[in-house]
Amino acid sequence: MALKIVESCVNCWACVDVCPSEAISLGSSHFKISASKCTECDGDYEEKQCASICPVEGAILLADGTPANPPGSLTGIPPERLAEAMREIQAR
């Protein structure tokens, strides 16, 4: 049981200080979560602390590989609407 930080991480350091198990460290290109240390905050917090503070959608994956903060969850903009807006902007 462990979360995973992927390449979309922007190395903002927000997650490091909130991790109760000190499982997050800087990797070669972005932060990494140590699988042997990560408890997914079970027994400490109801919410996964790294995911609750992460400002980047999709940067942290749950143990099953789904994003802890899926597209649209932080911005409130549905992915379809965002894609449509981006197409409109690029067409200008």
C-alpha atoms as a PDB file:
ATOM      1  CA  MET A   1       0.000   0.000   0.000  1.00  0.00           C
ATOM      2  CA  ALA A   2       1.617   3.191  -1.172  1.00  0.00           C
ATOM      3  CA  LEU A   3       0.896   6.284  -3.148  1.00  0.00           C
ATOM      4  CA  LYS A   4       3.060   7.338  -6.075  1.00  0.00           C
ATOM      5  CA  ILE A   5       4.195  10.733  -7.363  1.00  0.00           C
ATOM      6  CA  VAL A   6       4.566  10.904 -11.152  1.00  0.00           C
ATOM      7  CA  GLU A   7       6.415  13.123 -13.642  1.00  0.00           C
ATOM      8  CA  SER A   8       3.797  15.894 -13.614  1.00  0.00           C
ATOM      9  CA  CYS A   9       5.042  16.819 -10.113  1.00  0.00           C
ATOM     10  CA  VAL A  10       6.430  20.375 -10.172  1.00  0.00           C
ATOM     11  CA  ASN A  11       8.647  19.942  -7.080  1.00  0.00           C
ATOM     12  CA  CYS A  12       6.774  22.582  -5.090  1.00  0.00           C
ATOM     13  CA  TRP A  13       7.654  20.884  -1.768  1.00  0.00           C
ATOM     14  CA  ALA A  14       4.070  21.223  -0.433  1.00  0.00           C
ATOM     15  CA  CYS A  15       3.714  17.501   0.264  1.00  0.00           C
ATOM     16  CA  VAL A  16       7.013  16.959   2.040  1.00  0.00           C
ATOM     17  CA  ASP A  17       6.178  18.686   5.323  1.00  0.00           C
ATOM     18  CA  VAL A  18       2.665  17.230   5.636  1.00  0.00           C
ATOM     19  CA  CYS A  19       3.623  13.562   5.233  1.00  0.00           C
ATOM     20  CA  PRO A  20       3.194  11.964   8.688  1.00  0.00           C
ATOM     21  CA  SER A  21       5.409   8.994   7.802  1.00  0.00           C
ATOM     22  CA  GLU A  22       8.199  11.046   6.192  1.00  0.00           C
ATOM     23  CA  ALA A  23       7.876   8.892   3.078  1.00  0.00           C
ATOM     24  CA  ILE A  24       8.463  11.668   0.528  1.00  0.00           C
ATOM     25  CA  SER A  25      11.902  12.593  -0.773  1.00  0.00           C
ATOM     26  CA  LEU A  26      13.361  14.315  -3.799  1.00  0.00           C
ATOM     27  CA  GLY A  27      14.171  11.906  -6.602  1.00  0.00           C
ATOM     28  CA  SER A  28      16.257  12.540  -9.696  1.00  0.00           C
ATOM     29  CA  SER A  29      13.581  14.577 -11.501  1.00  0.00           C
ATOM     30  CA  HIS A  30      10.633  14.869  -9.109  1.00  0.00           C
ATOM     31  CA  PHE A  31       9.572  13.838  -5.625  1.00  0.00           C
ATOM     32  CA  LYS A  32       9.140  10.147  -4.857  1.00  0.00           C
ATOM     33  CA  ILE A  33       7.160   8.286  -2.205  1.00  0.00           C
ATOM     34  CA  SER A  34       8.922   5.422  -0.470  1.00  0.00           C
ATOM     35  CA  ALA A  35       6.611   2.410  -0.701  1.00  0.00           C
ATOM     36  CA  SER A  36       8.100   0.929   2.455  1.00  0.00           C
ATOM     37  CA  LYS A  37       7.341   4.072   4.482  1.00  0.00           C
ATOM     38  CA  CYS A  38       4.020   5.221   2.991  1.00  0.00           C
ATOM     39  CA  THR A  39       0.994   4.319   5.110  1.00  0.00           C
ATOM     40  CA  GLU A  40      -1.470   6.304   2.957  1.00  0.00           C
ATOM     41  CA  CYS A  41      -2.092   8.197   6.230  1.00  0.00           C
ATOM     42  CA  ASP A  42      -4.106   5.273   7.625  1.00  0.00           C
ATOM     43  CA  GLY A  43      -4.409   5.721  11.360  1.00  0.00           C
ATOM     44  CA  ASP A  44      -3.137   9.294  11.187  1.00  0.00           C
ATOM     45  CA  TYR A  45      -5.565  11.209   8.962  1.00  0.00           C
ATOM     46  CA  GLU A  46      -8.806  10.620   7.115  1.00  0.00           C
ATOM     47  CA  GLU A  47      -7.409  12.237   3.933  1.00  0.00           C
ATOM     48  CA  LYS A  48      -4.122  11.434   2.284  1.00  0.00           C
ATOM     49  CA  GLN A  49      -2.132  14.492   3.311  1.00  0.00           C
ATOM     50  CA  CYS A  50       0.128  14.741   0.254  1.00  0.00           C
ATOM     51  CA  ALA A  51      -2.853  14.584  -2.100  1.00  0.00           C
ATOM     52  CA  SER A  52      -4.865  17.033  -0.021  1.00  0.00           C
ATOM     53  CA  ILE A  53      -2.214  19.739  -0.446  1.00  0.00           C
ATOM     54  CA  CYS A  54      -0.874  18.934  -3.924  1.00  0.00           C
ATOM     55  CA  PRO A  55      -1.649  21.766  -6.380  1.00  0.00           C
ATOM     56  CA  VAL A  56      -1.204  19.606  -9.503  1.00  0.00           C
ATOM     57  CA  GLU A  57      -4.015  17.428 -10.801  1.00  0.00           C
ATOM     58  CA  GLY A  58      -2.859  13.880 -11.517  1.00  0.00           C
ATOM     59  CA  ALA A  59       0.573  14.221  -9.901  1.00  0.00           C
ATOM     60  CA  ILE A  60      -0.179  11.747  -7.111  1.00  0.00           C
ATOM     61  CA  LEU A  61      -1.566   8.306  -7.853  1.00  0.00           C
ATOM     62  CA  LEU A  62      -3.436   6.082  -5.425  1.00  0.00           C
ATOM     63  CA  ALA A  63      -2.301   2.490  -4.890  1.00  0.00           C
ATOM     64  CA  ASP A  64      -4.646   1.331  -7.671  1.00  0.00           C
ATOM     65  CA  GLY A  65      -3.047   3.785 -10.139  1.00  0.00           C
ATOM     66  CA  THR A  66      -5.924   6.282 -10.304  1.00  0.00           C
ATOM     67  CA  PRO A  67      -5.140   9.961  -9.718  1.00  0.00           C
ATOM     68  CA  ALA A  68      -5.745  11.204  -6.184  1.00  0.00           C
ATOM     69  CA  ASN A  69      -6.691  14.567  -7.739  1.00  0.00           C
ATOM     70  CA  PRO A  70      -8.209  13.712 -11.126  1.00  0.00           C
ATOM     71  CA  PRO A  71      -8.553  16.295 -13.903  1.00  0.00           C
ATOM     72  CA  GLY A  72     -11.060  18.969 -12.912  1.00  0.00           C
ATOM     73  CA  SER A  73     -10.972  18.183  -9.200  1.00  0.00           C
ATOM     74  CA  LEU A  74      -8.838  21.166  -8.251  1.00  0.00           C
ATOM     75  CA  THR A  75      -9.903  23.694 -10.857  1.00  0.00           C
ATOM     76  CA  GLY A  76     -13.575  22.796 -10.924  1.00  0.00           C
ATOM     77  CA  ILE A  77     -13.396  22.838 -14.717  1.00  0.00           C
ATOM     78  CA  PRO A  78     -14.643  19.602 -16.306  1.00  0.00           C
ATOM     79  CA  PRO A  79     -11.921  18.126 -18.563  1.00  0.00           C
ATOM     80  CA  GLU A  80     -14.206  18.328 -21.605  1.00  0.00           C
ATOM     81  CA  ARG A  81     -14.822  22.051 -21.066  1.00  0.00           C
ATOM     82  CA  LEU A  82     -11.107  22.700 -20.539  1.00  0.00           C
ATOM     83  CA  ALA A  83     -10.259  20.881 -23.782  1.00  0.00           C
ATOM     84  CA  GLU A  84     -12.895  22.915 -25.623  1.00  0.00           C
ATOM     85  CA  ALA A  85     -11.557  26.186 -24.196  1.00  0.00           C
ATOM     86  CA  MET A  86      -7.993  25.248 -25.155  1.00  0.00           C
ATOM     87  CA  ARG A  87      -9.084  24.511 -28.727  1.00  0.00           C
ATOM     88  CA  GLU A  88     -10.796  27.918 -28.897  1.00  0.00           C
ATOM     89  CA  ILE A  89      -7.704  29.686 -27.566  1.00  0.00           C
ATOM     90  CA  GLN A  90      -5.375  27.899 -29.983  1.00  0.00           C
ATOM     91  CA  ALA A  91      -7.640  28.723 -32.921  1.00  0.00           C
ATOM     92  CA  ARG A  92      -7.243  32.466 -32.348  1.00  0.00           C
END
